[in-house]
Amino acid sequence: MHNNVNVLHQLDEIGNSIQNIILHLQQVEARNTLTHELQTLRTQFVNTIGQGGNINEFQAQLTQAQNLYQQYGSAQGVPPAALGAIRELIANLTQLVNHLRNQ
């Protein structure tokens, strides 16, 4: 019986190890996906500036940044500094959109 308990314990440990690997990969995936989304947002922003700075495009980018913050704000593996930077991005885009509206 003692051997069966050891085997069950080992199986449990292996199951936990697999779960830890899955969680780690999900964290990496969340970071990679967020990085890709932010790179896309940056490209859109630069293109909008290059095309003269359409307020509707900036508003769409603000909405996209807000959605990213909502989506990844509680995701495991996303560094707090990245979330702080997204909040700052949202604040800056909000100021820009408001400034352009008031011109």
PDB file of N, CA and C in Angstrom:
ATOM      1  N   MET A   1       0.826  -1.191   0.000  1.00  0.00           N
ATOM      2  CA  MET A   1       0.000   0.000   0.000  1.00  0.00           C
ATOM      3  C   MET A   1       0.867   1.249   0.000  1.00  0.00           C
ATOM      4  N   HIS A   2       1.998   1.177   0.683  1.00  0.00           N
ATOM      5  CA  HIS A   2       2.883   2.336   0.777  1.00  0.00           C
ATOM      6  C   HIS A   2       3.343   2.779  -0.605  1.00  0.00           C
ATOM      7  N   ASN A   3       3.651   1.810  -1.478  1.00  0.00           N
ATOM      8  CA  ASN A   3       4.075   2.139  -2.840  1.00  0.00           C
ATOM      9  C   ASN A   3       2.978   2.862  -3.606  1.00  0.00           C
ATOM     10  N   ASN A   4       1.729   2.432  -3.428  1.00  0.00           N
ATOM     11  CA  ASN A   4       0.613   3.085  -4.111  1.00  0.00           C
ATOM     12  C   ASN A   4       0.469   4.532  -3.666  1.00  0.00           C
ATOM     13  N   VAL A   5       0.675   4.785  -2.387  1.00  0.00           N
ATOM     14  CA  VAL A   5       0.594   6.158  -1.868  1.00  0.00           C
ATOM     15  C   VAL A   5       1.694   7.001  -2.503  1.00  0.00           C
ATOM     16  N   ASN A   6       2.902   6.446  -2.610  1.00  0.00           N
ATOM     17  CA  ASN A   6       4.000   7.176  -3.246  1.00  0.00           C
ATOM     18  C   ASN A   6       3.696   7.474  -4.705  1.00  0.00           C
ATOM     19  N   VAL A   7       3.160   6.479  -5.397  1.00  0.00           N
ATOM     20  CA  VAL A   7       2.829   6.672  -6.810  1.00  0.00           C
ATOM     21  C   VAL A   7       1.751   7.745  -6.954  1.00  0.00           C
ATOM     22  N   LEU A   8       0.728   7.685  -6.114  1.00  0.00           N
ATOM     23  CA  LEU A   8      -0.334   8.697  -6.169  1.00  0.00           C
ATOM     24  C   LEU A   8       0.228  10.089  -5.879  1.00  0.00           C
ATOM     25  N   HIS A   9       1.130  10.153  -4.916  1.00  0.00           N
ATOM     26  CA  HIS A   9       1.762  11.438  -4.589  1.00  0.00           C
ATOM     27  C   HIS A   9       2.575  11.952  -5.777  1.00  0.00           C
ATOM     28  N   GLN A  10       3.328  11.060  -6.403  1.00  0.00           N
ATOM     29  CA  GLN A  10       4.122  11.462  -7.568  1.00  0.00           C
ATOM     30  C   GLN A  10       3.224  11.915  -8.715  1.00  0.00           C
ATOM     31  N   LEU A  11       2.127  11.203  -8.938  1.00  0.00           N
ATOM     32  CA  LEU A  11       1.188  11.597  -9.988  1.00  0.00           C
ATOM     33  C   LEU A  11       0.611  12.979  -9.699  1.00  0.00           C
ATOM     34  N   ASP A  12       0.302  13.224  -8.437  1.00  0.00           N
ATOM     35  CA  ASP A  12      -0.222  14.526  -8.035  1.00  0.00           C
ATOM     36  C   ASP A  12       0.811  15.622  -8.291  1.00  0.00           C
ATOM     37  N   GLU A  13       2.060  15.346  -7.950  1.00  0.00           N
ATOM     38  CA  GLU A  13       3.142  16.316  -8.173  1.00  0.00           C
ATOM     39  C   GLU A  13       3.334  16.593  -9.665  1.00  0.00           C
ATOM     40  N   ILE A  14       3.258  15.534 -10.470  1.00  0.00           N
ATOM     41  CA  ILE A  14       3.396  15.706 -11.923  1.00  0.00           C
ATOM     42  C   ILE A  14       2.240  16.556 -12.448  1.00  0.00           C
ATOM     43  N   GLY A  15       1.039  16.288 -11.968  1.00  0.00           N
ATOM     44  CA  GLY A  15      -0.121  17.090 -12.371  1.00  0.00           C
ATOM     45  C   GLY A  15       0.064  18.554 -12.013  1.00  0.00           C
ATOM     46  N   ASN A  16       0.585  18.804 -10.802  1.00  0.00           N
ATOM     47  CA  ASN A  16       0.851  20.182 -10.378  1.00  0.00           C
ATOM     48  C   ASN A  16       1.915  20.830 -11.251  1.00  0.00           C
ATOM     49  N   SER A  17       2.939  20.073 -11.592  1.00  0.00           N
ATOM     50  CA  SER A  17       4.000  20.605 -12.451  1.00  0.00           C
ATOM     51  C   SER A  17       3.457  20.999 -13.817  1.00  0.00           C
ATOM     52  N   ILE A  18       2.614  20.141 -14.372  1.00  0.00           N
ATOM     53  CA  ILE A  18       2.024  20.448 -15.679  1.00  0.00           C
ATOM     54  C   ILE A  18       1.172  21.710 -15.578  1.00  0.00           C
ATOM     55  N   GLN A  19       0.385  21.820 -14.512  1.00  0.00           N
ATOM     56  CA  GLN A  19      -0.457  23.002 -14.326  1.00  0.00           C
ATOM     57  C   GLN A  19       0.395  24.263 -14.203  1.00  0.00           C
ATOM     58  N   ASN A  20       1.517  24.175 -13.484  1.00  0.00           N
ATOM     59  CA  ASN A  20       2.415  25.324 -13.348  1.00  0.00           C
ATOM     60  C   ASN A  20       2.999  25.736 -14.696  1.00  0.00           C
ATOM     61  N   ILE A  21       3.336  24.761 -15.514  1.00  0.00           N
ATOM     62  CA  ILE A  21       3.863  25.066 -16.855  1.00  0.00           C
ATOM     63  C   ILE A  21       2.789  25.771 -17.679  1.00  0.00           C
ATOM     64  N   ILE A  22       1.560  25.263 -17.608  1.00  0.00           N
ATOM     65  CA  ILE A  22       0.458  25.880 -18.360  1.00  0.00           C
ATOM     66  C   ILE A  22       0.252  27.321 -17.904  1.00  0.00           C
ATOM     67  N   LEU A  23       0.251  27.552 -16.595  1.00  0.00           N
ATOM     68  CA  LEU A  23       0.073  28.914 -16.080  1.00  0.00           C
ATOM     69  C   LEU A  23       1.194  29.822 -16.552  1.00  0.00           C
ATOM     70  N   HIS A  24       2.414  29.310 -16.527  1.00  0.00           N
ATOM     71  CA  HIS A  24       3.550  30.115 -16.982  1.00  0.00           C
ATOM     72  C   HIS A  24       3.402  30.466 -18.460  1.00  0.00           C
ATOM     73  N   LEU A  25       3.025  29.489 -19.263  1.00  0.00           N
ATOM     74  CA  LEU A  25       2.857  29.741 -20.698  1.00  0.00           C
ATOM     75  C   LEU A  25       1.733  30.733 -20.951  1.00  0.00           C
ATOM     76  N   GLN A  26       0.667  30.650 -20.163  1.00  0.00           N
ATOM     77  CA  GLN A  26      -0.425  31.616 -20.314  1.00  0.00           C
ATOM     78  C   GLN A  26       0.055  33.025 -19.981  1.00  0.00           C
ATOM     79  N   GLN A  27       0.916  33.144 -18.957  1.00  0.00           N
ATOM     80  CA  GLN A  27       1.460  34.453 -18.594  1.00  0.00           C
ATOM     81  C   GLN A  27       2.318  35.000 -19.726  1.00  0.00           C
ATOM     82  N   VAL A  28       3.162  34.144 -20.275  1.00  0.00           N
ATOM     83  CA  VAL A  28       4.020  34.564 -21.386  1.00  0.00           C
ATOM     84  C   VAL A  28       3.149  34.956 -22.576  1.00  0.00           C
ATOM     85  N   GLU A  29       2.109  34.164 -22.825  1.00  0.00           N
ATOM     86  CA  GLU A  29       1.207  34.458 -23.942  1.00  0.00           C
ATOM     87  C   GLU A  29       0.511  35.800 -23.730  1.00  0.00           C
ATOM     88  N   ALA A  30       0.075  36.064 -22.495  1.00  0.00           N
ATOM     89  CA  ALA A  30      -0.574  37.350 -22.205  1.00  0.00           C
ATOM     90  C   ALA A  30       0.388  38.500 -22.461  1.00  0.00           C
ATOM     91  N   ARG A  31       1.633  38.357 -22.006  1.00  0.00           N
ATOM     92  CA  ARG A  31       2.632  39.419 -22.240  1.00  0.00           C
ATOM     93  C   ARG A  31       2.901  39.588 -23.726  1.00  0.00           C
ATOM     94  N   ASN A  32       3.057  38.469 -24.430  1.00  0.00           N
ATOM     95  CA  ASN A  32       3.341  38.543 -25.870  1.00  0.00           C
ATOM     96  C   ASN A  32       2.182  39.169 -26.636  1.00  0.00           C
ATOM     97  N   THR A  33       0.963  38.773 -26.289  1.00  0.00           N
ATOM     98  CA  THR A  33      -0.209  39.322 -26.967  1.00  0.00           C
ATOM     99  C   THR A  33      -0.342  40.810 -26.681  1.00  0.00           C
ATOM    100  N   LEU A  34      -0.159  41.199 -25.417  1.00  0.00           N
ATOM    101  CA  LEU A  34      -0.240  42.616 -25.059  1.00  0.00           C
ATOM    102  C   LEU A  34       0.844  43.409 -25.773  1.00  0.00           C
ATOM    103  N   THR A  35       2.043  42.868 -25.838  1.00  0.00           N
ATOM    104  CA  THR A  35       3.139  43.542 -26.543  1.00  0.00           C
ATOM    105  C   THR A  35       2.771  43.759 -28.004  1.00  0.00           C
ATOM    106  N   HIS A  36       2.232  42.725 -28.641  1.00  0.00           N
ATOM    107  CA  HIS A  36       1.832  42.837 -30.050  1.00  0.00           C
ATOM    108  C   HIS A  36       0.736  43.895 -30.216  1.00  0.00           C
ATOM    109  N   GLU A  37      -0.247  43.880 -29.341  1.00  0.00           N
ATOM    110  CA  GLU A  37      -1.349  44.848 -29.416  1.00  0.00           C
ATOM    111  C   GLU A  37      -0.825  46.277 -29.272  1.00  0.00           C
ATOM    112  N   LEU A  38       0.117  46.474 -28.356  1.00  0.00           N
ATOM    113  CA  LEU A  38       0.663  47.815 -28.140  1.00  0.00           C
ATOM    114  C   LEU A  38       1.536  48.257 -29.309  1.00  0.00           C
ATOM    115  N   GLN A  39       2.263  47.327 -29.899  1.00  0.00           N
ATOM    116  CA  GLN A  39       3.057  47.669 -31.087  1.00  0.00           C
ATOM    117  C   GLN A  39       2.140  48.081 -32.239  1.00  0.00           C
ATOM    118  N   THR A  40       1.027  47.380 -32.390  1.00  0.00           N
ATOM    119  CA  THR A  40       0.047  47.726 -33.420  1.00  0.00           C
ATOM    120  C   THR A  40      -0.545  49.102 -33.145  1.00  0.00           C
ATOM    121  N   LEU A  41      -0.877  49.360 -31.883  1.00  0.00           N
ATOM    122  CA  LEU A  41      -1.429  50.659 -31.500  1.00  0.00           C
ATOM    123  C   LEU A  41      -0.432  51.781 -31.789  1.00  0.00           C
ATOM    124  N   ARG A  42       0.824  51.535 -31.494  1.00  0.00           N
ATOM    125  CA  ARG A  42       1.856  52.546 -31.752  1.00  0.00           C
ATOM    126  C   ARG A  42       1.966  52.832 -33.250  1.00  0.00           C
ATOM    127  N   THR A  43       1.947  51.788 -34.062  1.00  0.00           N
ATOM    128  CA  THR A  43       2.013  51.964 -35.516  1.00  0.00           C
ATOM    129  C   THR A  43       0.824  52.786 -36.007  1.00  0.00           C
ATOM    130  N   GLN A  44      -0.366  52.469 -35.501  1.00  0.00           N
ATOM    131  CA  GLN A  44      -1.558  53.225 -35.884  1.00  0.00           C
ATOM    132  C   GLN A  44      -1.414  54.692 -35.488  1.00  0.00           C
ATOM    133  N   PHE A  45      -0.883  54.931 -34.294  1.00  0.00           N
ATOM    134  CA  PHE A  45      -0.703  56.293 -33.794  1.00  0.00           C
ATOM    135  C   PHE A  45       0.258  57.075 -34.683  1.00  0.00           C
ATOM    136  N   VAL A  46       1.385  56.461 -34.994  1.00  0.00           N
ATOM    137  CA  VAL A  46       2.382  57.113 -35.859  1.00  0.00           C
ATOM    138  C   VAL A  46       1.784  57.392 -37.236  1.00  0.00           C
ATOM    139  N   ASN A  47       1.030  56.441 -37.776  1.00  0.00           N
ATOM    140  CA  ASN A  47       0.388  56.636 -39.078  1.00  0.00           C
ATOM    141  C   ASN A  47      -0.635  57.770 -39.029  1.00  0.00           C
ATOM    142  N   THR A  48      -1.375  57.860 -37.934  1.00  0.00           N
ATOM    143  CA  THR A  48      -2.365  58.932 -37.788  1.00  0.00           C
ATOM    144  C   THR A  48      -1.676  60.289 -37.784  1.00  0.00           C
ATOM    145  N   ILE A  49      -0.568  60.392 -37.079  1.00  0.00           N
ATOM    146  CA  ILE A  49       0.198  61.641 -37.067  1.00  0.00           C
ATOM    147  C   ILE A  49       0.681  61.956 -38.478  1.00  0.00           C
ATOM    148  N   GLY A  50       1.202  60.944 -39.158  1.00  0.00           N
ATOM    149  CA  GLY A  50       1.711  61.127 -40.514  1.00  0.00           C
ATOM    150  C   GLY A  50       0.642  61.566 -41.502  1.00  0.00           C
ATOM    151  N   GLN A  51      -0.617  61.238 -41.188  1.00  0.00           N
ATOM    152  CA  GLN A  51      -1.723  61.598 -42.080  1.00  0.00           C
ATOM    153  C   GLN A  51      -2.420  62.881 -41.640  1.00  0.00           C
ATOM    154  N   GLY A  52      -1.821  63.593 -40.709  1.00  0.00           N
ATOM    155  CA  GLY A  52      -2.379  64.881 -40.307  1.00  0.00           C
ATOM    156  C   GLY A  52      -3.095  64.908 -38.975  1.00  0.00           C
ATOM    157  N   GLY A  53      -3.249  63.790 -38.313  1.00  0.00           N
ATOM    158  CA  GLY A  53      -3.797  63.781 -36.956  1.00  0.00           C
ATOM    159  C   GLY A  53      -5.304  63.881 -36.870  1.00  0.00           C
ATOM    160  N   ASN A  54      -6.018  62.940 -37.450  1.00  0.00           N
ATOM    161  CA  ASN A  54      -7.481  62.903 -37.414  1.00  0.00           C
ATOM    162  C   ASN A  54      -7.970  62.588 -35.999  1.00  0.00           C
ATOM    163  N   ILE A  55      -8.834  63.454 -35.452  1.00  0.00           N
ATOM    164  CA  ILE A  55      -9.324  63.273 -34.082  1.00  0.00           C
ATOM    165  C   ILE A  55     -10.071  61.951 -33.916  1.00  0.00           C
ATOM    166  N   ASN A  56     -10.809  61.537 -34.935  1.00  0.00           N
ATOM    167  CA  ASN A  56     -11.550  60.274 -34.834  1.00  0.00           C
ATOM    168  C   ASN A  56     -10.605  59.082 -34.709  1.00  0.00           C
ATOM    169  N   GLU A  57      -9.471  59.152 -35.395  1.00  0.00           N
ATOM    170  CA  GLU A  57      -8.468  58.082 -35.286  1.00  0.00           C
ATOM    171  C   GLU A  57      -7.863  58.065 -33.882  1.00  0.00           C
ATOM    172  N   PHE A  58      -7.544  59.254 -33.351  1.00  0.00           N
ATOM    173  CA  PHE A  58      -7.002  59.320 -31.989  1.00  0.00           C
ATOM    174  C   PHE A  58      -8.028  58.801 -30.982  1.00  0.00           C
ATOM    175  N   GLN A  59      -9.302  59.124 -31.191  1.00  0.00           N
ATOM    176  CA  GLN A  59     -10.366  58.637 -30.306  1.00  0.00           C
ATOM    177  C   GLN A  59     -10.446  57.113 -30.371  1.00  0.00           C
ATOM    178  N   ALA A  60     -10.323  56.553 -31.557  1.00  0.00           N
ATOM    179  CA  ALA A  60     -10.348  55.092 -31.708  1.00  0.00           C
ATOM    180  C   ALA A  60      -9.164  54.453 -30.985  1.00  0.00           C
ATOM    181  N   GLN A  61      -8.008  55.102 -31.048  1.00  0.00           N
ATOM    182  CA  GLN A  61      -6.821  54.578 -30.367  1.00  0.00           C
ATOM    183  C   GLN A  61      -6.972  54.684 -28.852  1.00  0.00           C
ATOM    184  N   LEU A  62      -7.612  55.754 -28.382  1.00  0.00           N
ATOM    185  CA  LEU A  62      -7.896  55.890 -26.955  1.00  0.00           C
ATOM    186  C   LEU A  62      -8.799  54.745 -26.498  1.00  0.00           C
ATOM    187  N   THR A  63      -9.839  54.482 -27.250  1.00  0.00           N
ATOM    188  CA  THR A  63     -10.754  53.384 -26.920  1.00  0.00           C
ATOM    189  C   THR A  63     -10.012  52.049 -26.919  1.00  0.00           C
ATOM    190  N   GLN A  64      -9.134  51.862 -27.885  1.00  0.00           N
ATOM    191  CA  GLN A  64      -8.352  50.623 -27.962  1.00  0.00           C
ATOM    192  C   GLN A  64      -7.453  50.482 -26.733  1.00  0.00           C
ATOM    193  N   ALA A  65      -6.813  51.566 -26.312  1.00  0.00           N
ATOM    194  CA  ALA A  65      -5.953  51.523 -25.121  1.00  0.00           C
ATOM    195  C   ALA A  65      -6.781  51.207 -23.878  1.00  0.00           C
ATOM    196  N   GLN A  66      -7.966  51.795 -23.770  1.00  0.00           N
ATOM    197  CA  GLN A  66      -8.841  51.511 -22.629  1.00  0.00           C
ATOM    198  C   GLN A  66      -9.257  50.042 -22.621  1.00  0.00           C
ATOM    199  N   ASN A  67      -9.558  49.514 -23.797  1.00  0.00           N
ATOM    200  CA  ASN A  67      -9.935  48.098 -23.897  1.00  0.00           C
ATOM    201  C   ASN A  67      -8.777  47.182 -23.502  1.00  0.00           C
ATOM    202  N   LEU A  68      -7.562  47.536 -23.921  1.00  0.00           N
ATOM    203  CA  LEU A  68      -6.391  46.739 -23.548  1.00  0.00           C
ATOM    204  C   LEU A  68      -6.204  46.750 -22.039  1.00  0.00           C
ATOM    205  N   TYR A  69      -6.380  47.916 -21.429  1.00  0.00           N
ATOM    206  CA  TYR A  69      -6.222  48.007 -19.974  1.00  0.00           C
ATOM    207  C   TYR A  69      -7.267  47.142 -19.276  1.00  0.00           C
ATOM    208  N   GLN A  70      -8.498  47.200 -19.758  1.00  0.00           N
ATOM    209  CA  GLN A  70      -9.551  46.363 -19.175  1.00  0.00           C
ATOM    210  C   GLN A  70      -9.237  44.883 -19.353  1.00  0.00           C
ATOM    211  N   GLN A  71      -8.789  44.528 -20.548  1.00  0.00           N
ATOM    212  CA  GLN A  71      -8.543  43.120 -20.865  1.00  0.00           C
ATOM    213  C   GLN A  71      -7.356  42.561 -20.091  1.00  0.00           C
ATOM    214  N   TYR A  72      -6.281  43.349 -19.961  1.00  0.00           N
ATOM    215  CA  TYR A  72      -5.055  42.826 -19.369  1.00  0.00           C
ATOM    216  C   TYR A  72      -4.798  43.336 -17.957  1.00  0.00           C
ATOM    217  N   GLY A  73      -5.679  44.176 -17.441  1.00  0.00           N
ATOM    218  CA  GLY A  73      -5.480  44.755 -16.114  1.00  0.00           C
ATOM    219  C   GLY A  73      -5.387  43.724 -15.008  1.00  0.00           C
ATOM    220  N   SER A  74      -6.074  42.602 -15.189  1.00  0.00           N
ATOM    221  CA  SER A  74      -6.043  41.564 -14.160  1.00  0.00           C
ATOM    222  C   SER A  74      -5.381  40.282 -14.655  1.00  0.00           C
ATOM    223  N   ALA A  75      -4.770  40.337 -15.825  1.00  0.00           N
ATOM    224  CA  ALA A  75      -4.123  39.137 -16.369  1.00  0.00           C
ATOM    225  C   ALA A  75      -2.839  38.832 -15.611  1.00  0.00           C
ATOM    226  N   GLN A  76      -2.639  37.576 -15.304  1.00  0.00           N
ATOM    227  CA  GLN A  76      -1.403  37.177 -14.641  1.00  0.00           C
ATOM    228  C   GLN A  76      -0.246  37.315 -15.613  1.00  0.00           C
ATOM    229  N   GLY A  77       0.890  37.747 -15.082  1.00  0.00           N
ATOM    230  CA  GLY A  77       2.094  37.813 -15.892  1.00  0.00           C
ATOM    231  C   GLY A  77       2.326  39.149 -16.554  1.00  0.00           C
ATOM    232  N   VAL A  78       1.346  40.056 -16.475  1.00  0.00           N
ATOM    233  CA  VAL A  78       1.540  41.390 -17.044  1.00  0.00           C
ATOM    234  C   VAL A  78       2.156  42.258 -15.952  1.00  0.00           C
ATOM    235  N   PRO A  79       3.354  42.784 -16.195  1.00  0.00           N
ATOM    236  CA  PRO A  79       4.038  43.560 -15.154  1.00  0.00           C
ATOM    237  C   PRO A  79       3.242  44.803 -14.759  1.00  0.00           C
ATOM    238  N   PRO A  80       3.191  45.123 -13.459  1.00  0.00           N
ATOM    239  CA  PRO A  80       2.481  46.326 -13.002  1.00  0.00           C
ATOM    240  C   PRO A  80       2.972  47.600 -13.693  1.00  0.00           C
ATOM    241  N   ALA A  81       4.256  47.661 -14.001  1.00  0.00           N
ATOM    242  CA  ALA A  81       4.790  48.846 -14.681  1.00  0.00           C
ATOM    243  C   ALA A  81       4.159  49.009 -16.061  1.00  0.00           C
ATOM    244  N   ALA A  82       3.881  47.904 -16.733  1.00  0.00           N
ATOM    245  CA  ALA A  82       3.236  47.969 -18.049  1.00  0.00           C
ATOM    246  C   ALA A  82       1.820  48.518 -17.909  1.00  0.00           C
ATOM    247  N   LEU A  83       1.117  48.088 -16.875  1.00  0.00           N
ATOM    248  CA  LEU A  83      -0.238  48.592 -16.654  1.00  0.00           C
ATOM    249  C   LEU A  83      -0.209  50.076 -16.315  1.00  0.00           C
ATOM    250  N   GLY A  84       0.784  50.490 -15.538  1.00  0.00           N
ATOM    251  CA  GLY A  84       0.939  51.911 -15.233  1.00  0.00           C
ATOM    252  C   GLY A  84       1.199  52.719 -16.492  1.00  0.00           C
ATOM    253  N   ALA A  85       2.002  52.174 -17.378  1.00  0.00           N
ATOM    254  CA  ALA A  85       2.305  52.860 -18.636  1.00  0.00           C
ATOM    255  C   ALA A  85       1.060  52.944 -19.520  1.00  0.00           C
ATOM    256  N   ILE A  86       0.221  51.919 -19.493  1.00  0.00           N
ATOM    257  CA  ILE A  86      -1.021  51.966 -20.271  1.00  0.00           C
ATOM    258  C   ILE A  86      -1.954  53.028 -19.691  1.00  0.00           C
ATOM    259  N   ARG A  87      -2.032  53.123 -18.354  1.00  0.00           N
ATOM    260  CA  ARG A  87      -2.844  54.182 -17.735  1.00  0.00           C
ATOM    261  C   ARG A  87      -2.345  55.558 -18.161  1.00  0.00           C
ATOM    262  N   GLU A  88      -1.025  55.722 -18.196  1.00  0.00           N
ATOM    263  CA  GLU A  88      -0.435  56.989 -18.630  1.00  0.00           C
ATOM    264  C   GLU A  88      -0.769  57.260 -20.098  1.00  0.00           C
ATOM    265  N   LEU A  89      -0.697  56.235 -20.927  1.00  0.00           N
ATOM    266  CA  LEU A  89      -1.056  56.365 -22.339  1.00  0.00           C
ATOM    267  C   LEU A  89      -2.507  56.818 -22.477  1.00  0.00           C
ATOM    268  N   ILE A  90      -3.398  56.213 -21.703  1.00  0.00           N
ATOM    269  CA  ILE A  90      -4.814  56.587 -21.738  1.00  0.00           C
ATOM    270  C   ILE A  90      -4.982  58.051 -21.344  1.00  0.00           C
ATOM    271  N   ALA A  91      -4.288  58.473 -20.292  1.00  0.00           N
ATOM    272  CA  ALA A  91      -4.376  59.871 -19.848  1.00  0.00           C
ATOM    273  C   ALA A  91      -3.878  60.819 -20.935  1.00  0.00           C
ATOM    274  N   ASN A  92      -2.766  60.485 -21.556  1.00  0.00           N
ATOM    275  CA  ASN A  92      -2.199  61.346 -22.598  1.00  0.00           C
ATOM    276  C   ASN A  92      -3.096  61.406 -23.832  1.00  0.00           C
ATOM    277  N   LEU A  93      -3.629  60.264 -24.247  1.00  0.00           N
ATOM    278  CA  LEU A  93      -4.537  60.256 -25.395  1.00  0.00           C
ATOM    279  C   LEU A  93      -5.821  61.028 -25.081  1.00  0.00           C
ATOM    280  N   THR A  94      -6.302  60.907 -23.847  1.00  0.00           N
ATOM    281  CA  THR A  94      -7.494  61.653 -23.432  1.00  0.00           C
ATOM    282  C   THR A  94      -7.241  63.149 -23.529  1.00  0.00           C
ATOM    283  N   GLN A  95      -6.084  63.593 -23.029  1.00  0.00           N
ATOM    284  CA  GLN A  95      -5.732  65.016 -23.112  1.00  0.00           C
ATOM    285  C   GLN A  95      -5.653  65.468 -24.562  1.00  0.00           C
ATOM    286  N   LEU A  96      -5.038  64.670 -25.406  1.00  0.00           N
ATOM    287  CA  LEU A  96      -4.896  65.018 -26.820  1.00  0.00           C
ATOM    288  C   LEU A  96      -6.262  65.150 -27.488  1.00  0.00           C
ATOM    289  N   VAL A  97      -7.127  64.163 -27.277  1.00  0.00           N
ATOM    290  CA  VAL A  97      -8.460  64.185 -27.889  1.00  0.00           C
ATOM    291  C   VAL A  97      -9.248  65.395 -27.388  1.00  0.00           C
ATOM    292  N   ASN A  98      -9.195  65.661 -26.084  1.00  0.00           N
ATOM    293  CA  ASN A  98      -9.910  66.815 -25.528  1.00  0.00           C
ATOM    294  C   ASN A  98      -9.365  68.118 -26.089  1.00  0.00           C
ATOM    295  N   HIS A  99      -8.058  68.210 -26.211  1.00  0.00           N
ATOM    296  CA  HIS A  99      -7.427  69.411 -26.765  1.00  0.00           C
ATOM    297  C   HIS A  99      -7.876  69.635 -28.212  1.00  0.00           C
ATOM    298  N   LEU A 100      -7.872  68.573 -29.006  1.00  0.00           N
ATOM    299  CA  LEU A 100      -8.278  68.692 -30.407  1.00  0.00           C
ATOM    300  C   LEU A 100      -9.760  69.050 -30.536  1.00  0.00           C
ATOM    301  N   ARG A 101     -10.581  68.520 -29.635  1.00  0.00           N
ATOM    302  CA  ARG A 101     -12.019  68.837 -29.656  1.00  0.00           C
ATOM    303  C   ARG A 101     -12.265  70.313 -29.359  1.00  0.00           C
ATOM    304  N   ASN A 102     -11.447  70.871 -28.480  1.00  0.00           N
ATOM    305  CA  ASN A 102     -11.655  72.245 -28.020  1.00  0.00           C
ATOM    306  C   ASN A 102     -11.025  73.286 -28.926  1.00  0.00           C
ATOM    307  N   GLN A 103     -10.436  72.866 -30.016  1.00  0.00           N
ATOM    308  CA  GLN A 103      -9.806  73.836 -30.927  1.00  0.00           C
ATOM    309  C   GLN A 103     -10.830  74.490 -31.811  1.00  0.00           C
TER     310      GLN A 103
END
